[in-house]
Amino acid sequence: MKPKSFLVIVISLLILPSLCQAGKKREIIFGFGAGYSLGIDGSLRKYEFDETYRDSLGLYEYKLLYFKEQAEMKYCLNFNIQYFFNKRFGLQLEFNQQKASYFSHLKWYGSLYPDGIPDTQYPAQDIYTEINHIEEPYSKPWSLSSLTLSLIHPFWTFGNQRTCAYISGGAGFYLLSGDKEFVLNRFRLGPKKMSYKFKIGGGFKHQLSPKLGLNLRIFIESIIRYSRRGYALFYGPDQFDLDWYLSEGKIGRVMGAIVRSYTYGGIDLSLEFKL
């Protein structure tokens, strides 16, 4: 078992029993459900780039890059336990598993890089490095496993007190999983596997019986990747690490081609049991 996965399990085992013990005099709800998500960031949902370089006199032409990628969110599963201090406020500890896919089609023909000292008197010369790395289109799965602690606020009840509307918001951390070579190194999320996330949501809870209920929720999640200042997203051939390719023969994004955050939203339906 991976150390980070083990850490998630240990934290859950430490926190959940404490909530259950403290909640003997309060309301405790256990829930699980499923839903579907959609990507909100346009740069990660679908992106295509095709570049050809021509010199100023039109004498030379270099095919540099064709690249297409698309990230698609899919179904999600959640397990949660809620502890309500009173009728207005509660805490929710939630484990979420979000499935997704990543499509890539790469034809890296070559790269231009400057040689010399760029100044007004002696401008740098563009040097063309032939690569001809041609790949067939492929699609690979990836996923996010996350643990989030949120504050829940029911603010309106109706239907003989059996239905209530609520809002929630919280933060936690996530673990990014996927093929290292064909997803993590190439995806604009980058190879970093673990960081923070924020989640907001809201919906309706409906009591089917004194112990059983339904929870329909709409949510938005944002995972945080990098917060380095001076950030600039690369779109052309410079988005790939030429030195790494020439030394190792592997494709990878440079730091500036990786997004700082990724936001997606979805809807899910859960069954809830009062303990």
C-alpha atoms as a PDB file:
ATOM      1  CA  MET A   1       0.000   0.000   0.000  1.00  0.00           C
ATOM      2  CA  LYS A   2       1.304   3.471  -0.915  1.00  0.00           C
ATOM      3  CA  PRO A   3       2.269   5.749   2.035  1.00  0.00           C
ATOM      4  CA  LYS A   4      -0.187   8.493   1.005  1.00  0.00           C
ATOM      5  CA  SER A   5      -3.075   6.034   0.728  1.00  0.00           C
ATOM      6  CA  PHE A   6      -2.139   4.620   4.128  1.00  0.00           C
ATOM      7  CA  LEU A   7      -2.137   8.157   5.576  1.00  0.00           C
ATOM      8  CA  VAL A   8      -5.678   8.770   4.292  1.00  0.00           C
ATOM      9  CA  ILE A   9      -6.907   5.568   5.910  1.00  0.00           C
ATOM     10  CA  VAL A  10      -5.213   6.327   9.243  1.00  0.00           C
ATOM     11  CA  ILE A  11      -6.683   9.849   9.394  1.00  0.00           C
ATOM     12  CA  SER A  12     -10.136   8.496   8.621  1.00  0.00           C
ATOM     13  CA  LEU A  13      -9.877   5.849  11.339  1.00  0.00           C
ATOM     14  CA  LEU A  14      -8.772   8.453  13.869  1.00  0.00           C
ATOM     15  CA  ILE A  15     -11.433  11.052  13.066  1.00  0.00           C
ATOM     16  CA  LEU A  16     -14.560   9.018  12.354  1.00  0.00           C
ATOM     17  CA  PRO A  17     -14.784   7.152  15.690  1.00  0.00           C
ATOM     18  CA  SER A  18     -14.279  10.426  17.537  1.00  0.00           C
ATOM     19  CA  LEU A  19     -17.178  12.007  15.674  1.00  0.00           C
ATOM     20  CA  CYS A  20     -19.386   9.007  16.360  1.00  0.00           C
ATOM     21  CA  GLN A  21     -18.557   9.039  20.068  1.00  0.00           C
ATOM     22  CA  ALA A  22     -19.143  12.788  20.379  1.00  0.00           C
ATOM     23  CA  GLY A  23     -22.375  12.537  18.470  1.00  0.00           C
ATOM     24  CA  LYS A  24     -24.300  10.221  20.801  1.00  0.00           C
ATOM     25  CA  LYS A  25     -26.270  13.194  22.022  1.00  0.00           C
ATOM     26  CA  ARG A  26     -26.461  14.803  18.592  1.00  0.00           C
ATOM     27  CA  GLU A  27     -27.463  13.803  15.066  1.00  0.00           C
ATOM     28  CA  ILE A  28     -25.064  11.640  13.072  1.00  0.00           C
ATOM     29  CA  ILE A  29     -25.710  10.707   9.429  1.00  0.00           C
ATOM     30  CA  PHE A  30     -23.826   8.244   7.275  1.00  0.00           C
ATOM     31  CA  GLY A  31     -24.208   8.589   3.501  1.00  0.00           C
ATOM     32  CA  PHE A  32     -22.950   7.175   0.236  1.00  0.00           C
ATOM     33  CA  GLY A  33     -23.829   7.863  -3.370  1.00  0.00           C
ATOM     34  CA  ALA A  34     -22.712   8.489  -6.939  1.00  0.00           C
ATOM     35  CA  GLY A  35     -22.893  11.186  -9.569  1.00  0.00           C
ATOM     36  CA  TYR A  36     -21.341  12.693 -12.673  1.00  0.00           C
ATOM     37  CA  SER A  37     -18.968  15.630 -13.182  1.00  0.00           C
ATOM     38  CA  LEU A  38     -18.026  18.020 -15.978  1.00  0.00           C
ATOM     39  CA  GLY A  39     -14.842  20.029 -16.460  1.00  0.00           C
ATOM     40  CA  ILE A  40     -15.237  23.807 -16.179  1.00  0.00           C
ATOM     41  CA  ASP A  41     -11.719  24.903 -17.249  1.00  0.00           C
ATOM     42  CA  GLY A  42     -11.862  25.291 -21.052  1.00  0.00           C
ATOM     43  CA  SER A  43      -8.103  24.865 -21.508  1.00  0.00           C
ATOM     44  CA  LEU A  44      -8.291  21.348 -20.069  1.00  0.00           C
ATOM     45  CA  ARG A  45     -11.522  20.124 -21.643  1.00  0.00           C
ATOM     46  CA  LYS A  46     -10.288  20.353 -25.249  1.00  0.00           C
ATOM     47  CA  TYR A  47      -7.166  21.859 -26.751  1.00  0.00           C
ATOM     48  CA  GLU A  48      -5.579  21.611 -30.224  1.00  0.00           C
ATOM     49  CA  PHE A  49      -2.407  23.209 -31.597  1.00  0.00           C
ATOM     50  CA  ASP A  50      -0.804  23.003 -35.056  1.00  0.00           C
ATOM     51  CA  GLU A  51       2.278  25.108 -35.798  1.00  0.00           C
ATOM     52  CA  THR A  52       4.538  25.589 -38.807  1.00  0.00           C
ATOM     53  CA  TYR A  53       7.504  27.986 -38.743  1.00  0.00           C
ATOM     54  CA  ARG A  54       8.575  30.098 -41.756  1.00  0.00           C
ATOM     55  CA  ASP A  55      11.563  32.417 -41.825  1.00  0.00           C
ATOM     56  CA  SER A  56      11.154  36.116 -42.630  1.00  0.00           C
ATOM     57  CA  LEU A  57      12.214  35.680 -46.286  1.00  0.00           C
ATOM     58  CA  GLY A  58       9.961  32.692 -46.843  1.00  0.00           C
ATOM     59  CA  LEU A  59      12.881  30.471 -47.859  1.00  0.00           C
ATOM     60  CA  TYR A  60      12.587  27.860 -45.111  1.00  0.00           C
ATOM     61  CA  GLU A  61       9.605  26.111 -43.588  1.00  0.00           C
ATOM     62  CA  TYR A  62       9.673  23.853 -40.527  1.00  0.00           C
ATOM     63  CA  LYS A  63       6.816  21.735 -39.266  1.00  0.00           C
ATOM     64  CA  LEU A  64       7.095  22.028 -35.482  1.00  0.00           C
ATOM     65  CA  LEU A  65       4.162  20.466 -33.680  1.00  0.00           C
ATOM     66  CA  TYR A  66       0.682  19.027 -33.873  1.00  0.00           C
ATOM     67  CA  PHE A  67      -0.870  18.363 -30.496  1.00  0.00           C
ATOM     68  CA  LYS A  68      -4.414  17.688 -29.329  1.00  0.00           C
ATOM     69  CA  GLU A  69      -5.521  16.873 -25.807  1.00  0.00           C
ATOM     70  CA  GLN A  70      -8.831  16.583 -24.008  1.00  0.00           C
ATOM     71  CA  ALA A  71      -9.664  15.938 -20.366  1.00  0.00           C
ATOM     72  CA  GLU A  72     -13.093  14.567 -19.550  1.00  0.00           C
ATOM     73  CA  MET A  73     -14.593  14.106 -16.114  1.00  0.00           C
ATOM     74  CA  LYS A  74     -16.751  11.040 -15.585  1.00  0.00           C
ATOM     75  CA  TYR A  75     -18.633   9.443 -12.700  1.00  0.00           C
ATOM     76  CA  CYS A  76     -17.813  10.012  -9.048  1.00  0.00           C
ATOM     77  CA  LEU A  77     -18.436   8.057  -5.830  1.00  0.00           C
ATOM     78  CA  ASN A  78     -18.660   9.512  -2.326  1.00  0.00           C
ATOM     79  CA  PHE A  79     -18.806   8.225   1.241  1.00  0.00           C
ATOM     80  CA  ASN A  80     -19.423  10.640   4.079  1.00  0.00           C
ATOM     81  CA  ILE A  81     -20.311  11.006   7.723  1.00  0.00           C
ATOM     82  CA  GLN A  82     -22.117  14.095   9.016  1.00  0.00           C
ATOM     83  CA  TYR A  83     -22.290  15.333  12.590  1.00  0.00           C
ATOM     84  CA  PHE A  84     -24.850  18.064  13.324  1.00  0.00           C
ATOM     85  CA  PHE A  85     -24.347  20.179  16.457  1.00  0.00           C
ATOM     86  CA  ASN A  86     -27.889  21.515  16.064  1.00  0.00           C
ATOM     87  CA  LYS A  87     -30.499  22.013  13.362  1.00  0.00           C
ATOM     88  CA  ARG A  88     -28.526  24.808  11.728  1.00  0.00           C
ATOM     89  CA  PHE A  89     -24.917  23.675  11.547  1.00  0.00           C
ATOM     90  CA  GLY A  90     -22.997  20.459  11.033  1.00  0.00           C
ATOM     91  CA  LEU A  91     -19.690  18.999   9.883  1.00  0.00           C
ATOM     92  CA  GLN A  92     -19.190  16.545   7.044  1.00  0.00           C
ATOM     93  CA  LEU A  93     -16.131  14.382   6.475  1.00  0.00           C
ATOM     94  CA  GLU A  94     -16.250  13.066   2.921  1.00  0.00           C
ATOM     95  CA  PHE A  95     -14.160  10.636   0.893  1.00  0.00           C
ATOM     96  CA  ASN A  96     -14.640  11.111  -2.852  1.00  0.00           C
ATOM     97  CA  GLN A  97     -13.423   9.088  -5.819  1.00  0.00           C
ATOM     98  CA  GLN A  98     -13.598  10.992  -9.128  1.00  0.00           C
ATOM     99  CA  LYS A  99     -12.990   9.113 -12.388  1.00  0.00           C
ATOM    100  CA  ALA A 100     -11.856  10.837 -15.599  1.00  0.00           C
ATOM    101  CA  SER A 101     -10.093  10.258 -18.928  1.00  0.00           C
ATOM    102  CA  TYR A 102      -7.290  11.966 -20.855  1.00  0.00           C
ATOM    103  CA  PHE A 103      -6.990  11.977 -24.658  1.00  0.00           C
ATOM    104  CA  SER A 104      -3.715  12.833 -26.386  1.00  0.00           C
ATOM    105  CA  HIS A 105      -2.499  12.971 -29.990  1.00  0.00           C
ATOM    106  CA  LEU A 106       1.080  14.185 -30.376  1.00  0.00           C
ATOM    107  CA  LYS A 107       3.278  14.738 -33.438  1.00  0.00           C
ATOM    108  CA  TRP A 108       6.421  16.578 -32.398  1.00  0.00           C
ATOM    109  CA  TYR A 109       8.396  17.216 -35.565  1.00  0.00           C
ATOM    110  CA  GLY A 110      11.011  19.583 -34.212  1.00  0.00           C
ATOM    111  CA  SER A 111      11.875  22.485 -31.952  1.00  0.00           C
ATOM    112  CA  LEU A 112      13.364  25.951 -32.407  1.00  0.00           C
ATOM    113  CA  TYR A 113      15.600  27.384 -29.723  1.00  0.00           C
ATOM    114  CA  PRO A 114      17.818  30.492 -29.572  1.00  0.00           C
ATOM    115  CA  ASP A 115      21.596  30.284 -29.921  1.00  0.00           C
ATOM    116  CA  GLY A 116      23.699  33.247 -28.898  1.00  0.00           C
ATOM    117  CA  ILE A 117      23.164  36.312 -26.723  1.00  0.00           C
ATOM    118  CA  PRO A 118      19.937  38.151 -27.593  1.00  0.00           C
ATOM    119  CA  ASP A 119      20.513  41.912 -27.772  1.00  0.00           C
ATOM    120  CA  THR A 120      19.714  44.718 -30.193  1.00  0.00           C
ATOM    121  CA  GLN A 121      23.071  44.535 -31.992  1.00  0.00           C
ATOM    122  CA  TYR A 122      23.513  40.756 -32.241  1.00  0.00           C
ATOM    123  CA  PRO A 123      20.118  39.053 -32.192  1.00  0.00           C
ATOM    124  CA  ALA A 124      19.853  35.390 -31.323  1.00  0.00           C
ATOM    125  CA  GLN A 125      19.613  32.890 -34.147  1.00  0.00           C
ATOM    126  CA  ASP A 126      16.884  30.243 -34.208  1.00  0.00           C
ATOM    127  CA  ILE A 127      18.306  26.741 -34.281  1.00  0.00           C
ATOM    128  CA  TYR A 128      16.054  23.936 -35.505  1.00  0.00           C
ATOM    129  CA  THR A 129      16.315  20.558 -33.757  1.00  0.00           C
ATOM    130  CA  GLU A 130      14.732  17.723 -35.700  1.00  0.00           C
ATOM    131  CA  ILE A 131      12.709  15.357 -33.512  1.00  0.00           C
ATOM    132  CA  ASN A 132      10.043  13.509 -35.544  1.00  0.00           C
ATOM    133  CA  HIS A 133       8.335  11.949 -32.533  1.00  0.00           C
ATOM    134  CA  ILE A 134       5.041  10.683 -33.977  1.00  0.00           C
ATOM    135  CA  GLU A 135       2.386   9.033 -31.793  1.00  0.00           C
ATOM    136  CA  GLU A 136      -0.990   7.520 -32.526  1.00  0.00           C
ATOM    137  CA  PRO A 137      -3.974   8.970 -30.631  1.00  0.00           C
ATOM    138  CA  TYR A 138      -4.644   7.339 -27.277  1.00  0.00           C
ATOM    139  CA  SER A 139      -6.993   7.714 -24.312  1.00  0.00           C
ATOM    140  CA  LYS A 140      -5.993   6.877 -20.735  1.00  0.00           C
ATOM    141  CA  PRO A 141      -7.932   6.932 -17.440  1.00  0.00           C
ATOM    142  CA  TRP A 142      -6.990   9.060 -14.441  1.00  0.00           C
ATOM    143  CA  SER A 143      -8.684   9.751 -11.130  1.00  0.00           C
ATOM    144  CA  LEU A 144      -8.790  11.912  -8.012  1.00  0.00           C
ATOM    145  CA  SER A 145      -9.150  10.449  -4.535  1.00  0.00           C
ATOM    146  CA  SER A 146      -9.882  13.130  -1.956  1.00  0.00           C
ATOM    147  CA  LEU A 147     -10.747  13.695   1.690  1.00  0.00           C
ATOM    148  CA  THR A 148     -12.684  16.886   2.514  1.00  0.00           C
ATOM    149  CA  LEU A 149     -14.003  18.433   5.730  1.00  0.00           C
ATOM    150  CA  SER A 150     -16.967  20.771   5.141  1.00  0.00           C
ATOM    151  CA  LEU A 151     -19.372  22.918   7.125  1.00  0.00           C
ATOM    152  CA  ILE A 152     -23.059  22.246   6.323  1.00  0.00           C
ATOM    153  CA  HIS A 153     -25.781  24.832   6.868  1.00  0.00           C
ATOM    154  CA  PRO A 154     -29.463  23.809   6.388  1.00  0.00           C
ATOM    155  CA  PHE A 155     -31.305  27.096   5.901  1.00  0.00           C
ATOM    156  CA  TRP A 156     -34.842  26.254   4.764  1.00  0.00           C
ATOM    157  CA  THR A 157     -37.269  23.438   5.544  1.00  0.00           C
ATOM    158  CA  PHE A 158     -40.593  22.661   3.925  1.00  0.00           C
ATOM    159  CA  GLY A 159     -42.923  19.744   3.190  1.00  0.00           C
ATOM    160  CA  ASN A 160     -43.862  19.129   6.840  1.00  0.00           C
ATOM    161  CA  GLN A 161     -40.181  19.411   7.855  1.00  0.00           C
ATOM    162  CA  ARG A 162     -39.279  16.376   5.726  1.00  0.00           C
ATOM    163  CA  THR A 163     -37.321  18.332   3.099  1.00  0.00           C
ATOM    164  CA  CYS A 164     -34.616  20.935   3.629  1.00  0.00           C
ATOM    165  CA  ALA A 165     -32.330  23.030   1.453  1.00  0.00           C
ATOM    166  CA  TYR A 166     -28.691  23.420   2.497  1.00  0.00           C
ATOM    167  CA  ILE A 167     -25.333  24.844   1.446  1.00  0.00           C
ATOM    168  CA  SER A 168     -21.854  23.558   2.299  1.00  0.00           C
ATOM    169  CA  GLY A 169     -18.222  24.518   1.886  1.00  0.00           C
ATOM    170  CA  GLY A 170     -14.889  23.109   2.953  1.00  0.00           C
ATOM    171  CA  ALA A 171     -11.339  22.090   2.118  1.00  0.00           C
ATOM    172  CA  GLY A 172      -9.148  19.021   2.139  1.00  0.00           C
ATOM    173  CA  PHE A 173      -6.493  17.249   0.126  1.00  0.00           C
ATOM    174  CA  TYR A 174      -6.451  14.945  -2.869  1.00  0.00           C
ATOM    175  CA  LEU A 175      -4.316  12.252  -4.503  1.00  0.00           C
ATOM    176  CA  LEU A 176      -3.980  12.287  -8.298  1.00  0.00           C
ATOM    177  CA  SER A 177      -3.623   8.872  -9.976  1.00  0.00           C
ATOM    178  CA  GLY A 178      -2.861   7.937 -13.571  1.00  0.00           C
ATOM    179  CA  ASP A 179      -0.254   6.529 -15.947  1.00  0.00           C
ATOM    180  CA  LYS A 180       2.957   8.407 -15.189  1.00  0.00           C
ATOM    181  CA  GLU A 181       4.340   8.497 -18.738  1.00  0.00           C
ATOM    182  CA  PHE A 182       1.167   8.965 -20.789  1.00  0.00           C
ATOM    183  CA  VAL A 183      -0.943  11.052 -18.388  1.00  0.00           C
ATOM    184  CA  LEU A 184       0.869  12.656 -15.444  1.00  0.00           C
ATOM    185  CA  ASN A 185       3.933  13.907 -17.352  1.00  0.00           C
ATOM    186  CA  ARG A 186       1.873  15.205 -20.286  1.00  0.00           C
ATOM    187  CA  PHE A 187      -1.342  16.424 -18.736  1.00  0.00           C
ATOM    188  CA  ARG A 188      -1.553  20.141 -17.906  1.00  0.00           C
ATOM    189  CA  LEU A 189      -2.136  19.121 -14.292  1.00  0.00           C
ATOM    190  CA  GLY A 190       1.483  17.967 -14.171  1.00  0.00           C
ATOM    191  CA  PRO A 191       3.164  15.071 -12.340  1.00  0.00           C
ATOM    192  CA  LYS A 192       2.595  16.389  -8.808  1.00  0.00           C
ATOM    193  CA  LYS A 193       0.253  13.838  -7.213  1.00  0.00           C
ATOM    194  CA  MET A 194      -0.900  15.414  -3.962  1.00  0.00           C
ATOM    195  CA  SER A 195      -2.105  18.892  -2.981  1.00  0.00           C
ATOM    196  CA  TYR A 196      -5.113  20.823  -1.651  1.00  0.00           C
ATOM    197  CA  LYS A 197      -8.692  21.171  -2.826  1.00  0.00           C
ATOM    198  CA  PHE A 198     -11.707  23.331  -2.068  1.00  0.00           C
ATOM    199  CA  LYS A 199     -15.327  22.294  -2.412  1.00  0.00           C
ATOM    200  CA  ILE A 200     -18.618  24.154  -2.278  1.00  0.00           C
ATOM    201  CA  GLY A 201     -22.064  22.739  -2.835  1.00  0.00           C
ATOM    202  CA  GLY A 202     -25.701  22.786  -2.033  1.00  0.00           C
ATOM    203  CA  GLY A 203     -28.877  20.854  -2.561  1.00  0.00           C
ATOM    204  CA  PHE A 204     -31.850  19.219  -0.940  1.00  0.00           C
ATOM    205  CA  LYS A 205     -32.254  16.536   1.708  1.00  0.00           C
ATOM    206  CA  HIS A 206     -35.502  14.580   1.878  1.00  0.00           C
ATOM    207  CA  GLN A 207     -36.493  12.186   4.658  1.00  0.00           C
ATOM    208  CA  LEU A 208     -38.071   8.972   3.349  1.00  0.00           C
ATOM    209  CA  SER A 209     -38.434   7.619   6.881  1.00  0.00           C
ATOM    210  CA  PRO A 210     -37.134   8.555  10.366  1.00  0.00           C
ATOM    211  CA  LYS A 211     -33.837   6.753   9.609  1.00  0.00           C
ATOM    212  CA  LEU A 212     -33.524   6.935   5.814  1.00  0.00           C
ATOM    213  CA  GLY A 213     -33.164   9.933   3.508  1.00  0.00           C
ATOM    214  CA  LEU A 214     -32.023  11.156   0.082  1.00  0.00           C
ATOM    215  CA  ASN A 215     -29.506  13.903  -0.636  1.00  0.00           C
ATOM    216  CA  LEU A 216     -29.434  15.600  -4.054  1.00  0.00           C
ATOM    217  CA  ARG A 217     -26.383  17.851  -4.355  1.00  0.00           C
ATOM    218  CA  ILE A 218     -24.756  20.150  -6.896  1.00  0.00           C
ATOM    219  CA  PHE A 219     -21.069  20.859  -6.212  1.00  0.00           C
ATOM    220  CA  ILE A 220     -17.973  22.639  -7.530  1.00  0.00           C
ATOM    221  CA  GLU A 221     -14.436  21.494  -6.699  1.00  0.00           C
ATOM    222  CA  SER A 222     -11.133  23.218  -7.368  1.00  0.00           C
ATOM    223  CA  ILE A 223      -7.825  21.384  -7.007  1.00  0.00           C
ATOM    224  CA  ILE A 224      -4.740  23.535  -6.440  1.00  0.00           C
ATOM    225  CA  ARG A 225      -1.582  22.668  -8.369  1.00  0.00           C
ATOM    226  CA  TYR A 226       0.958  25.524  -8.270  1.00  0.00           C
ATOM    227  CA  SER A 227       0.926  29.041  -6.839  1.00  0.00           C
ATOM    228  CA  ARG A 228       4.261  30.298  -8.214  1.00  0.00           C
ATOM    229  CA  ARG A 229       4.278  33.966  -9.248  1.00  0.00           C
ATOM    230  CA  GLY A 230       5.302  35.026 -12.735  1.00  0.00           C
ATOM    231  CA  TYR A 231       3.204  32.248 -14.168  1.00  0.00           C
ATOM    232  CA  ALA A 232       2.692  32.019 -17.968  1.00  0.00           C
ATOM    233  CA  LEU A 233       0.971  29.139 -19.729  1.00  0.00           C
ATOM    234  CA  PHE A 234       2.861  27.783 -22.778  1.00  0.00           C
ATOM    235  CA  TYR A 235       0.891  26.603 -25.820  1.00  0.00           C
ATOM    236  CA  GLY A 236       3.447  25.987 -28.598  1.00  0.00           C
ATOM    237  CA  PRO A 237       6.330  23.492 -28.873  1.00  0.00           C
ATOM    238  CA  ASP A 238       7.994  25.189 -25.907  1.00  0.00           C
ATOM    239  CA  GLN A 239       5.405  23.562 -23.611  1.00  0.00           C
ATOM    240  CA  PHE A 240       7.427  20.322 -23.769  1.00  0.00           C
ATOM    241  CA  ASP A 241      10.811  19.836 -22.105  1.00  0.00           C
ATOM    242  CA  LEU A 242      13.312  19.547 -24.952  1.00  0.00           C
ATOM    243  CA  ASP A 243      16.313  18.754 -22.732  1.00  0.00           C
ATOM    244  CA  TRP A 244      14.481  15.901 -21.020  1.00  0.00           C
ATOM    245  CA  TYR A 245      13.424  14.471 -24.371  1.00  0.00           C
ATOM    246  CA  LEU A 246      16.933  14.658 -25.820  1.00  0.00           C
ATOM    247  CA  SER A 247      18.475  13.022 -22.730  1.00  0.00           C
ATOM    248  CA  GLU A 248      15.795  10.474 -21.755  1.00  0.00           C
ATOM    249  CA  GLY A 249      13.600  10.162 -24.846  1.00  0.00           C
ATOM    250  CA  LYS A 250      10.485  10.939 -22.757  1.00  0.00           C
ATOM    251  CA  ILE A 251       7.779  13.553 -23.210  1.00  0.00           C
ATOM    252  CA  GLY A 252       7.038  15.931 -20.344  1.00  0.00           C
ATOM    253  CA  ARG A 253       5.640  19.411 -19.763  1.00  0.00           C
ATOM    254  CA  VAL A 254       7.789  22.285 -18.569  1.00  0.00           C
ATOM    255  CA  MET A 255       6.701  24.130 -15.431  1.00  0.00           C
ATOM    256  CA  GLY A 256       5.090  27.004 -17.326  1.00  0.00           C
ATOM    257  CA  ALA A 257       2.806  24.649 -19.254  1.00  0.00           C
ATOM    258  CA  ILE A 258       1.143  23.313 -16.092  1.00  0.00           C
ATOM    259  CA  VAL A 259      -2.016  24.956 -14.778  1.00  0.00           C
ATOM    260  CA  ARG A 260      -2.185  26.394 -11.268  1.00  0.00           C
ATOM    261  CA  SER A 261      -5.603  24.931 -10.554  1.00  0.00           C
ATOM    262  CA  TYR A 262      -8.334  22.853 -12.121  1.00  0.00           C
ATOM    263  CA  THR A 263     -12.035  23.350 -11.465  1.00  0.00           C
ATOM    264  CA  TYR A 264     -14.906  21.013 -12.218  1.00  0.00           C
ATOM    265  CA  GLY A 265     -18.489  20.628 -11.093  1.00  0.00           C
ATOM    266  CA  GLY A 266     -21.074  17.919 -10.871  1.00  0.00           C
ATOM    267  CA  ILE A 267     -24.240  16.507  -9.400  1.00  0.00           C
ATOM    268  CA  ASP A 268     -24.699  13.445  -7.197  1.00  0.00           C
ATOM    269  CA  LEU A 269     -27.425  11.571  -5.354  1.00  0.00           C
ATOM    270  CA  SER A 270     -26.804   9.884  -1.995  1.00  0.00           C
ATOM    271  CA  LEU A 271     -28.612   7.622   0.411  1.00  0.00           C
ATOM    272  CA  GLU A 272     -28.358   8.781   4.028  1.00  0.00           C
ATOM    273  CA  PHE A 273     -28.841   6.779   7.240  1.00  0.00           C
ATOM    274  CA  LYS A 274     -29.261   8.332  10.657  1.00  0.00           C
ATOM    275  CA  LEU A 275     -27.210   6.469  13.257  1.00  0.00           C
END
